[in-house]
PDB file of N, CA and C in Angstrom:
ATOM      1  N   MET A   1      12.631   2.683 -12.014  1.00  0.00           N
ATOM      2  CA  MET A   1      11.366   2.528 -10.643  1.00  0.00           C
ATOM      3  C   MET A   1      11.796   1.027 -10.784  1.00  0.00           C
ATOM      4  N   VAL A   2      11.954   0.915  -9.065  1.00  0.00           N
ATOM      5  CA  VAL A   2      12.097  -0.251  -8.566  1.00  0.00           C
ATOM      6  C   VAL A   2      11.016  -0.863  -8.075  1.00  0.00           C
ATOM      7  N   ASP A   3      10.326  -2.576  -8.466  1.00  0.00           N
ATOM      8  CA  ASP A   3       9.355  -2.670  -8.249  1.00  0.00           C
ATOM      9  C   ASP A   3       9.455  -3.897  -6.837  1.00  0.00           C
ATOM     10  N   LEU A   4      10.304  -4.349  -7.041  1.00  0.00           N
ATOM     11  CA  LEU A   4      10.815  -5.248  -5.838  1.00  0.00           C
ATOM     12  C   LEU A   4      12.223  -5.010  -5.295  1.00  0.00           C
ATOM     13  N   VAL A   5      11.596  -5.641  -3.576  1.00  0.00           N
ATOM     14  CA  VAL A   5      13.103  -5.264  -3.060  1.00  0.00           C
ATOM     15  C   VAL A   5      13.227  -6.825  -2.172  1.00  0.00           C
ATOM     16  N   ILE A   6      14.506  -7.071  -1.714  1.00  0.00           N
ATOM     17  CA  ILE A   6      14.735  -8.605  -1.062  1.00  0.00           C
ATOM     18  C   ILE A   6      15.349  -7.979  -0.139  1.00  0.00           C
ATOM     19  N   GLU A   7      14.894  -8.494   1.141  1.00  0.00           N
ATOM     20  CA  GLU A   7      15.589  -8.356   2.357  1.00  0.00           C
ATOM     21  C   GLU A   7      16.445  -9.578   2.950  1.00  0.00           C
ATOM     22  N   ILE A   8      17.495 -10.059   3.200  1.00  0.00           N
ATOM     23  CA  ILE A   8      18.185 -11.060   3.745  1.00  0.00           C
ATOM     24  C   ILE A   8      18.291 -10.565   5.050  1.00  0.00           C
ATOM     25  N   TRP A   9      17.431 -11.047   6.649  1.00  0.00           N
ATOM     26  CA  TRP A   9      17.549 -10.353   7.702  1.00  0.00           C
ATOM     27  C   TRP A   9      18.510 -11.085   8.052  1.00  0.00           C
ATOM     28  N   SER A  10      19.718 -10.485   9.147  1.00  0.00           N
ATOM     29  CA  SER A  10      20.686 -11.092  10.046  1.00  0.00           C
ATOM     30  C   SER A  10      20.378 -10.985  11.246  1.00  0.00           C
ATOM     31  N   PRO A  11      20.964 -11.724  12.105  1.00  0.00           N
ATOM     32  CA  PRO A  11      20.548 -11.895  13.499  1.00  0.00           C
ATOM     33  C   PRO A  11      20.745 -10.669  14.624  1.00  0.00           C
ATOM     34  N   GLU A  12      21.498  -9.973  13.608  1.00  0.00           N
ATOM     35  CA  GLU A  12      21.396  -8.291  13.817  1.00  0.00           C
ATOM     36  C   GLU A  12      20.559  -7.351  13.747  1.00  0.00           C
ATOM     37  N   ASP A  13      19.777  -7.563  12.972  1.00  0.00           N
ATOM     38  CA  ASP A  13      18.601  -6.673  12.361  1.00  0.00           C
ATOM     39  C   ASP A  13      17.252  -6.629  13.647  1.00  0.00           C
ATOM     40  N   THR A  14      17.207  -5.711  14.150  1.00  0.00           N
ATOM     41  CA  THR A  14      16.184  -5.665  15.198  1.00  0.00           C
ATOM     42  C   THR A  14      14.985  -5.171  14.788  1.00  0.00           C
ATOM     43  N   ALA A  15      13.398  -5.477  15.173  1.00  0.00           N
ATOM     44  CA  ALA A  15      12.205  -5.555  14.977  1.00  0.00           C
ATOM     45  C   ALA A  15      12.297  -4.064  14.526  1.00  0.00           C
ATOM     46  N   ALA A  16      12.777  -3.385  15.256  1.00  0.00           N
ATOM     47  CA  ALA A  16      12.359  -1.660  14.761  1.00  0.00           C
ATOM     48  C   ALA A  16      13.103  -1.303  13.521  1.00  0.00           C
ATOM     49  N   GLY A  17      14.196  -1.529  13.547  1.00  0.00           N
ATOM     50  CA  GLY A  17      14.908  -1.795  11.767  1.00  0.00           C
ATOM     51  C   GLY A  17      14.506  -2.316  11.001  1.00  0.00           C
ATOM     52  N   ARG A  18      13.877  -3.198  11.163  1.00  0.00           N
ATOM     53  CA  ARG A  18      12.628  -4.156   9.930  1.00  0.00           C
ATOM     54  C   ARG A  18      11.894  -3.427   9.263  1.00  0.00           C
ATOM     55  N   ALA A  19      11.351  -3.159  10.684  1.00  0.00           N
ATOM     56  CA  ALA A  19       9.591  -2.340  10.741  1.00  0.00           C
ATOM     57  C   ALA A  19      10.297  -0.987   9.636  1.00  0.00           C
ATOM     58  N   TYR A  20      11.470  -0.202  10.369  1.00  0.00           N
ATOM     59  CA  TYR A  20      11.598   1.090   9.413  1.00  0.00           C
ATOM     60  C   TYR A  20      12.066   1.202   7.872  1.00  0.00           C
ATOM     61  N   ARG A  21      12.648  -0.375   7.684  1.00  0.00           N
ATOM     62  CA  ARG A  21      12.604  -0.468   6.520  1.00  0.00           C
ATOM     63  C   ARG A  21      11.270  -0.918   5.214  1.00  0.00           C
ATOM     64  N   ARG A  22      10.699  -1.569   6.204  1.00  0.00           N
ATOM     65  CA  ARG A  22       9.411  -1.541   5.441  1.00  0.00           C
ATOM     66  C   ARG A  22       8.423  -0.232   5.311  1.00  0.00           C
ATOM     67  N   ARG A  23       8.073   0.483   6.341  1.00  0.00           N
ATOM     68  CA  ARG A  23       7.923   1.953   5.700  1.00  0.00           C
ATOM     69  C   ARG A  23       8.295   2.326   4.915  1.00  0.00           C
ATOM     70  N   THR A  24       9.548   2.179   4.990  1.00  0.00           N
ATOM     71  CA  THR A  24      10.270   3.006   3.868  1.00  0.00           C
ATOM     72  C   THR A  24      10.007   2.851   2.395  1.00  0.00           C
ATOM     73  N   TYR A  25      10.391   1.016   2.323  1.00  0.00           N
ATOM     74  CA  TYR A  25       9.948   0.399   1.039  1.00  0.00           C
ATOM     75  C   TYR A  25       8.541   1.314   0.225  1.00  0.00           C
ATOM     76  N   ALA A  26       7.339   0.895   1.467  1.00  0.00           N
ATOM     77  CA  ALA A  26       5.977   1.272   1.044  1.00  0.00           C
ATOM     78  C   ALA A  26       5.931   2.836   0.746  1.00  0.00           C
ATOM     79  N   SER A  27       6.743   3.907   1.328  1.00  0.00           N
ATOM     80  CA  SER A  27       5.824   4.960   1.294  1.00  0.00           C
ATOM     81  C   SER A  27       6.896   5.684  -0.369  1.00  0.00           C
ATOM     82  N   VAL A  28       7.575   4.939  -0.777  1.00  0.00           N
ATOM     83  CA  VAL A  28       8.154   5.146  -2.136  1.00  0.00           C
ATOM     84  C   VAL A  28       7.540   4.113  -3.220  1.00  0.00           C
ATOM     85  N   ASP A  29       6.553   3.688  -2.889  1.00  0.00           N
ATOM     86  CA  ASP A  29       5.514   2.679  -3.716  1.00  0.00           C
ATOM     87  C   ASP A  29       6.310   1.427  -4.211  1.00  0.00           C
ATOM     88  N   ILE A  30       7.127   0.795  -3.526  1.00  0.00           N
ATOM     89  CA  ILE A  30       7.923  -0.606  -4.294  1.00  0.00           C
ATOM     90  C   ILE A  30       6.701  -1.512  -3.900  1.00  0.00           C
ATOM     91  N   LEU A  31       6.265  -1.750  -5.378  1.00  0.00           N
ATOM     92  CA  LEU A  31       5.312  -2.874  -5.174  1.00  0.00           C
ATOM     93  C   LEU A  31       5.156  -4.302  -4.383  1.00  0.00           C
ATOM     94  N   TYR A  32       6.746  -4.737  -4.339  1.00  0.00           N
ATOM     95  CA  TYR A  32       6.484  -5.951  -4.043  1.00  0.00           C
ATOM     96  C   TYR A  32       7.779  -6.291  -2.905  1.00  0.00           C
ATOM     97  N   PHE A  33       7.822  -6.792  -1.902  1.00  0.00           N
ATOM     98  CA  PHE A  33       8.736  -6.900  -0.834  1.00  0.00           C
ATOM     99  C   PHE A  33       9.120  -8.120  -0.214  1.00  0.00           C
ATOM    100  N   TRP A  34      10.130  -8.999  -0.163  1.00  0.00           N
ATOM    101  CA  TRP A  34      10.367 -10.190   0.382  1.00  0.00           C
ATOM    102  C   TRP A  34      11.241  -9.925   1.369  1.00  0.00           C
ATOM    103  N   GLU A  35      11.232 -10.758   2.482  1.00  0.00           N
ATOM    104  CA  GLU A  35      11.863 -10.923   3.651  1.00  0.00           C
ATOM    105  C   GLU A  35      12.323 -12.505   3.658  1.00  0.00           C
ATOM    106  N   ILE A  36      14.117 -12.550   3.684  1.00  0.00           N
ATOM    107  CA  ILE A  36      14.167 -14.190   3.867  1.00  0.00           C
ATOM    108  C   ILE A  36      15.073 -14.329   5.411  1.00  0.00           C
ATOM    109  N   GLU A  37      14.378 -15.280   6.206  1.00  0.00           N
ATOM    110  CA  GLU A  37      15.438 -15.169   7.206  1.00  0.00           C
ATOM    111  C   GLU A  37      15.890 -16.263   6.516  1.00  0.00           C
ATOM    112  N   GLN A  38      17.114 -15.993   7.702  1.00  0.00           N
ATOM    113  CA  GLN A  38      18.287 -17.079   7.597  1.00  0.00           C
ATOM    114  C   GLN A  38      18.321 -18.210   7.967  1.00  0.00           C
ATOM    115  N   ASP A  39      17.311 -18.513   9.297  1.00  0.00           N
ATOM    116  CA  ASP A  39      17.203 -19.702   9.708  1.00  0.00           C
ATOM    117  C   ASP A  39      15.995 -20.512   9.358  1.00  0.00           C
ATOM    118  N   GLY A  40      16.507 -21.127   8.720  1.00  0.00           N
ATOM    119  CA  GLY A  40      15.582 -22.451   7.128  1.00  0.00           C
ATOM    120  C   GLY A  40      16.243 -22.436   6.572  1.00  0.00           C
ATOM    121  N   PRO A  41      16.328 -21.748   5.544  1.00  0.00           N
ATOM    122  CA  PRO A  41      15.996 -20.032   5.176  1.00  0.00           C
ATOM    123  C   PRO A  41      14.381 -20.172   4.796  1.00  0.00           C
ATOM    124  N   VAL A  42      13.408 -19.052   5.462  1.00  0.00           N
ATOM    125  CA  VAL A  42      12.166 -18.855   5.135  1.00  0.00           C
ATOM    126  C   VAL A  42      12.033 -17.380   4.665  1.00  0.00           C
ATOM    127  N   ILE A  43      11.090 -17.711   2.942  1.00  0.00           N
ATOM    128  CA  ILE A  43      10.644 -16.404   2.735  1.00  0.00           C
ATOM    129  C   ILE A  43       9.085 -16.015   2.783  1.00  0.00           C
ATOM    130  N   THR A  44       8.952 -15.036   2.805  1.00  0.00           N
ATOM    131  CA  THR A  44       7.647 -14.266   3.153  1.00  0.00           C
ATOM    132  C   THR A  44       7.648 -12.966   1.841  1.00  0.00           C
ATOM    133  N   ALA A  45       6.769 -13.161   1.569  1.00  0.00           N
ATOM    134  CA  ALA A  45       6.212 -12.147   0.291  1.00  0.00           C
ATOM    135  C   ALA A  45       5.326 -11.253   0.232  1.00  0.00           C
ATOM    136  N   TYR A  46       5.165 -10.288   0.772  1.00  0.00           N
ATOM    137  CA  TYR A  46       4.301  -9.521   0.594  1.00  0.00           C
ATOM    138  C   TYR A  46       4.003  -8.286  -1.035  1.00  0.00           C
ATOM    139  N   ALA A  47       2.629  -7.927  -0.876  1.00  0.00           N
ATOM    140  CA  ALA A  47       2.104  -7.002  -1.860  1.00  0.00           C
ATOM    141  C   ALA A  47       1.708  -5.690  -1.452  1.00  0.00           C
ATOM    142  N   LEU A  48       2.380  -4.413  -1.807  1.00  0.00           N
ATOM    143  CA  LEU A  48       1.721  -3.231  -1.395  1.00  0.00           C
ATOM    144  C   LEU A  48       0.238  -3.171  -1.892  1.00  0.00           C
ATOM    145  N   ARG A  49      -0.515  -2.718  -0.512  1.00  0.00           N
ATOM    146  CA  ARG A  49      -2.021  -2.913  -1.329  1.00  0.00           C
ATOM    147  C   ARG A  49      -2.358  -1.679   0.278  1.00  0.00           C
ATOM    148  N   ASP A  50      -2.606  -0.270  -0.250  1.00  0.00           N
ATOM    149  CA  ASP A  50      -3.477   0.662   0.243  1.00  0.00           C
ATOM    150  C   ASP A  50      -2.329   1.155   1.350  1.00  0.00           C
ATOM    151  N   GLY A  51      -1.049   1.551   0.751  1.00  0.00           N
ATOM    152  CA  GLY A  51       0.232   1.728   1.332  1.00  0.00           C
ATOM    153  C   GLY A  51       0.840   1.121   2.482  1.00  0.00           C
ATOM    154  N   GLU A  52       0.250  -0.597   2.436  1.00  0.00           N
ATOM    155  CA  GLU A  52       1.056  -1.162   3.440  1.00  0.00           C
ATOM    156  C   GLU A  52       1.330  -2.400   2.674  1.00  0.00           C
ATOM    157  N   TYR A  53       2.168  -2.916   3.407  1.00  0.00           N
ATOM    158  CA  TYR A  53       2.178  -4.553   2.799  1.00  0.00           C
ATOM    159  C   TYR A  53       1.540  -5.557   2.981  1.00  0.00           C
ATOM    160  N   ARG A  54       0.948  -6.500   2.646  1.00  0.00           N
ATOM    161  CA  ARG A  54       0.185  -7.770   2.614  1.00  0.00           C
ATOM    162  C   ARG A  54       0.603  -8.742   2.517  1.00  0.00           C
ATOM    163  N   GLU A  55       0.733  -9.607   3.618  1.00  0.00           N
ATOM    164  CA  GLU A  55       1.439 -11.110   3.024  1.00  0.00           C
ATOM    165  C   GLU A  55       0.721 -12.047   2.366  1.00  0.00           C
ATOM    166  N   GLN A  56       1.548 -12.604   1.123  1.00  0.00           N
ATOM    167  CA  GLN A  56       1.002 -12.859   0.173  1.00  0.00           C
ATOM    168  C   GLN A  56       1.558 -14.674   0.636  1.00  0.00           C
ATOM    169  N   ILE A  57       2.548 -15.001   0.559  1.00  0.00           N
ATOM    170  CA  ILE A  57       2.703 -16.190   0.978  1.00  0.00           C
ATOM    171  C   ILE A  57       4.294 -16.384   2.294  1.00  0.00           C
ATOM    172  N   THR A  58       3.900 -16.967   2.877  1.00  0.00           N
ATOM    173  CA  THR A  58       5.942 -17.659   3.448  1.00  0.00           C
ATOM    174  C   THR A  58       5.859 -18.897   3.232  1.00  0.00           C
ATOM    175  N   LEU A  59       6.900 -19.279   2.519  1.00  0.00           N
ATOM    176  CA  LEU A  59       7.219 -20.450   1.723  1.00  0.00           C
ATOM    177  C   LEU A  59       8.908 -21.362   3.213  1.00  0.00           C
ATOM    178  N   ASN A  60       8.385 -22.237   3.929  1.00  0.00           N
ATOM    179  CA  ASN A  60       9.935 -22.887   4.107  1.00  0.00           C
ATOM    180  C   ASN A  60      10.144 -23.590   3.215  1.00  0.00           C
ATOM    181  N   PRO A  61      11.140 -24.158   3.919  1.00  0.00           N
ATOM    182  CA  PRO A  61      12.060 -25.177   3.182  1.00  0.00           C
ATOM    183  C   PRO A  61      11.677 -26.165   3.407  1.00  0.00           C
ATOM    184  N   GLY A  62      11.613 -26.939   1.830  1.00  0.00           N
ATOM    185  CA  GLY A  62      10.978 -28.284   1.585  1.00  0.00           C
ATOM    186  C   GLY A  62       9.709 -28.172   1.089  1.00  0.00           C
ATOM    187  N   ALA A  63       9.053 -26.611   1.101  1.00  0.00           N
ATOM    188  CA  ALA A  63       7.462 -26.435   0.622  1.00  0.00           C
ATOM    189  C   ALA A  63       7.814 -25.524  -0.173  1.00  0.00           C
ATOM    190  N   ALA A  64       7.955 -26.384  -1.371  1.00  0.00           N
ATOM    191  CA  ALA A  64       7.911 -25.233  -2.853  1.00  0.00           C
ATOM    192  C   ALA A  64       6.993 -24.407  -3.213  1.00  0.00           C
ATOM    193  N   GLY A  65       6.715 -23.412  -3.282  1.00  0.00           N
ATOM    194  CA  GLY A  65       5.472 -22.806  -3.678  1.00  0.00           C
ATOM    195  C   GLY A  65       5.731 -21.675  -4.889  1.00  0.00           C
ATOM    196  N   THR A  66       4.709 -20.965  -5.618  1.00  0.00           N
ATOM    197  CA  THR A  66       4.963 -19.699  -6.347  1.00  0.00           C
ATOM    198  C   THR A  66       4.562 -18.605  -5.699  1.00  0.00           C
ATOM    199  N   ILE A  67       5.344 -17.922  -5.679  1.00  0.00           N
ATOM    200  CA  ILE A  67       5.486 -16.616  -5.203  1.00  0.00           C
ATOM    201  C   ILE A  67       5.047 -15.415  -6.301  1.00  0.00           C
ATOM    202  N   THR A  68       3.836 -14.766  -6.295  1.00  0.00           N
ATOM    203  CA  THR A  68       2.720 -13.722  -7.356  1.00  0.00           C
ATOM    204  C   THR A  68       3.390 -12.749  -6.468  1.00  0.00           C
ATOM    205  N   ALA A  69       3.695 -12.249  -5.397  1.00  0.00           N
ATOM    206  CA  ALA A  69       4.289 -11.042  -5.030  1.00  0.00           C
ATOM    207  C   ALA A  69       5.032 -10.272  -5.638  1.00  0.00           C
ATOM    208  N   ALA A  70       5.496 -10.129  -6.954  1.00  0.00           N
ATOM    209  CA  ALA A  70       6.295 -10.193  -7.779  1.00  0.00           C
ATOM    210  C   ALA A  70       5.859  -9.656  -9.061  1.00  0.00           C
ATOM    211  N   PRO A  71       6.954  -8.931  -9.381  1.00  0.00           N
ATOM    212  CA  PRO A  71       6.441  -8.414 -11.110  1.00  0.00           C
ATOM    213  C   PRO A  71       6.258 -10.068 -12.399  1.00  0.00           C
ATOM    214  N   ALA A  72       6.826 -11.169 -12.180  1.00  0.00           N
ATOM    215  CA  ALA A  72       6.587 -11.988 -12.539  1.00  0.00           C
ATOM    216  C   ALA A  72       6.362 -13.464 -11.702  1.00  0.00           C
ATOM    217  N   PRO A  73       5.214 -14.393 -11.499  1.00  0.00           N
ATOM    218  CA  PRO A  73       5.398 -15.609 -10.853  1.00  0.00           C
ATOM    219  C   PRO A  73       6.618 -16.487 -10.348  1.00  0.00           C
ATOM    220  N   VAL A  74       6.952 -16.507  -9.623  1.00  0.00           N
ATOM    221  CA  VAL A  74       8.160 -17.019  -9.016  1.00  0.00           C
ATOM    222  C   VAL A  74       8.397 -18.645  -8.331  1.00  0.00           C
ATOM    223  N   ALA A  75       8.490 -19.735  -8.813  1.00  0.00           N
ATOM    224  CA  ALA A  75       8.349 -20.816  -8.341  1.00  0.00           C
ATOM    225  C   ALA A  75       9.719 -21.155  -7.415  1.00  0.00           C
ATOM    226  N   VAL A  76       9.770 -21.568  -6.533  1.00  0.00           N
ATOM    227  CA  VAL A  76      11.153 -21.316  -5.354  1.00  0.00           C
ATOM    228  C   VAL A  76      10.956 -22.272  -4.205  1.00  0.00           C
ATOM    229  N   ASP A  77      11.711 -23.011  -3.985  1.00  0.00           N
ATOM    230  CA  ASP A  77      11.621 -23.790  -2.707  1.00  0.00           C
ATOM    231  C   ASP A  77      13.050 -23.231  -1.750  1.00  0.00           C
ATOM    232  N   PRO A  78      12.798 -22.761  -0.514  1.00  0.00           N
ATOM    233  CA  PRO A  78      13.342 -21.401  -0.116  1.00  0.00           C
ATOM    234  C   PRO A  78      14.626 -22.818   0.657  1.00  0.00           C
ATOM    235  N   ALA A  79      14.452 -24.317   0.767  1.00  0.00           N
ATOM    236  CA  ALA A  79      16.391 -24.878   0.372  1.00  0.00           C
ATOM    237  C   ALA A  79      17.109 -25.004  -0.218  1.00  0.00           C
ATOM    238  N   LEU A  80      16.758 -24.434  -1.203  1.00  0.00           N
ATOM    239  CA  LEU A  80      17.686 -23.731  -2.528  1.00  0.00           C
ATOM    240  C   LEU A  80      18.556 -23.042  -2.300  1.00  0.00           C
ATOM    241  N   LEU A  81      18.001 -22.123  -1.156  1.00  0.00           N
ATOM    242  CA  LEU A  81      18.895 -21.043  -0.859  1.00  0.00           C
ATOM    243  C   LEU A  81      20.179 -21.082   0.224  1.00  0.00           C
ATOM    244  N   ASN A  82      19.948 -22.420   0.399  1.00  0.00           N
ATOM    245  CA  ASN A  82      20.979 -22.694   1.659  1.00  0.00           C
ATOM    246  C   ASN A  82      22.382 -23.079   1.333  1.00  0.00           C
ATOM    247  N   PRO A  83      23.010 -22.755  -0.025  1.00  0.00           N
ATOM    248  CA  PRO A  83      24.410 -22.454  -0.252  1.00  0.00           C
ATOM    249  C   PRO A  83      24.923 -20.706  -0.327  1.00  0.00           C
ATOM    250  N   TRP A  84      23.478 -19.948  -0.585  1.00  0.00           N
ATOM    251  CA  TRP A  84      23.787 -18.688  -0.627  1.00  0.00           C
ATOM    252  C   TRP A  84      23.623 -17.523   0.604  1.00  0.00           C
ATOM    253  N   VAL A  85      22.893 -18.354   1.668  1.00  0.00           N
ATOM    254  CA  VAL A  85      22.101 -17.746   2.798  1.00  0.00           C
ATOM    255  C   VAL A  85      22.869 -19.126   4.039  1.00  0.00           C
ATOM    256  N   ARG A  86      23.536 -17.943   5.010  1.00  0.00           N
ATOM    257  CA  ARG A  86      24.326 -18.111   6.049  1.00  0.00           C
ATOM    258  C   ARG A  86      23.168 -19.065   6.921  1.00  0.00           C
ATOM    259  N   THR A  87      23.513 -19.869   7.745  1.00  0.00           N
ATOM    260  CA  THR A  87      22.342 -20.644   8.491  1.00  0.00           C
ATOM    261  C   THR A  87      23.275 -21.222   9.983  1.00  0.00           C
TER     262      THR A  87
END
């Protein structure tokens, strides 16, 4: 069973493609979904509620926070992702 999916969106990902993937993950009851925008990078974390993802937190670089939309809480600062995310 998969509890968490993390998508790193590229500039080529369309709004329709993103929405389709979110709906697909929700339809198979993946409890948590994070999206990472490469510009920044910015992390937005969602939890599945009533068949839809609800935003739990959005973190910008330099604004560390704790994501609870996860199997266990995760403290992170998106600025630390810069070596791994193309900006």
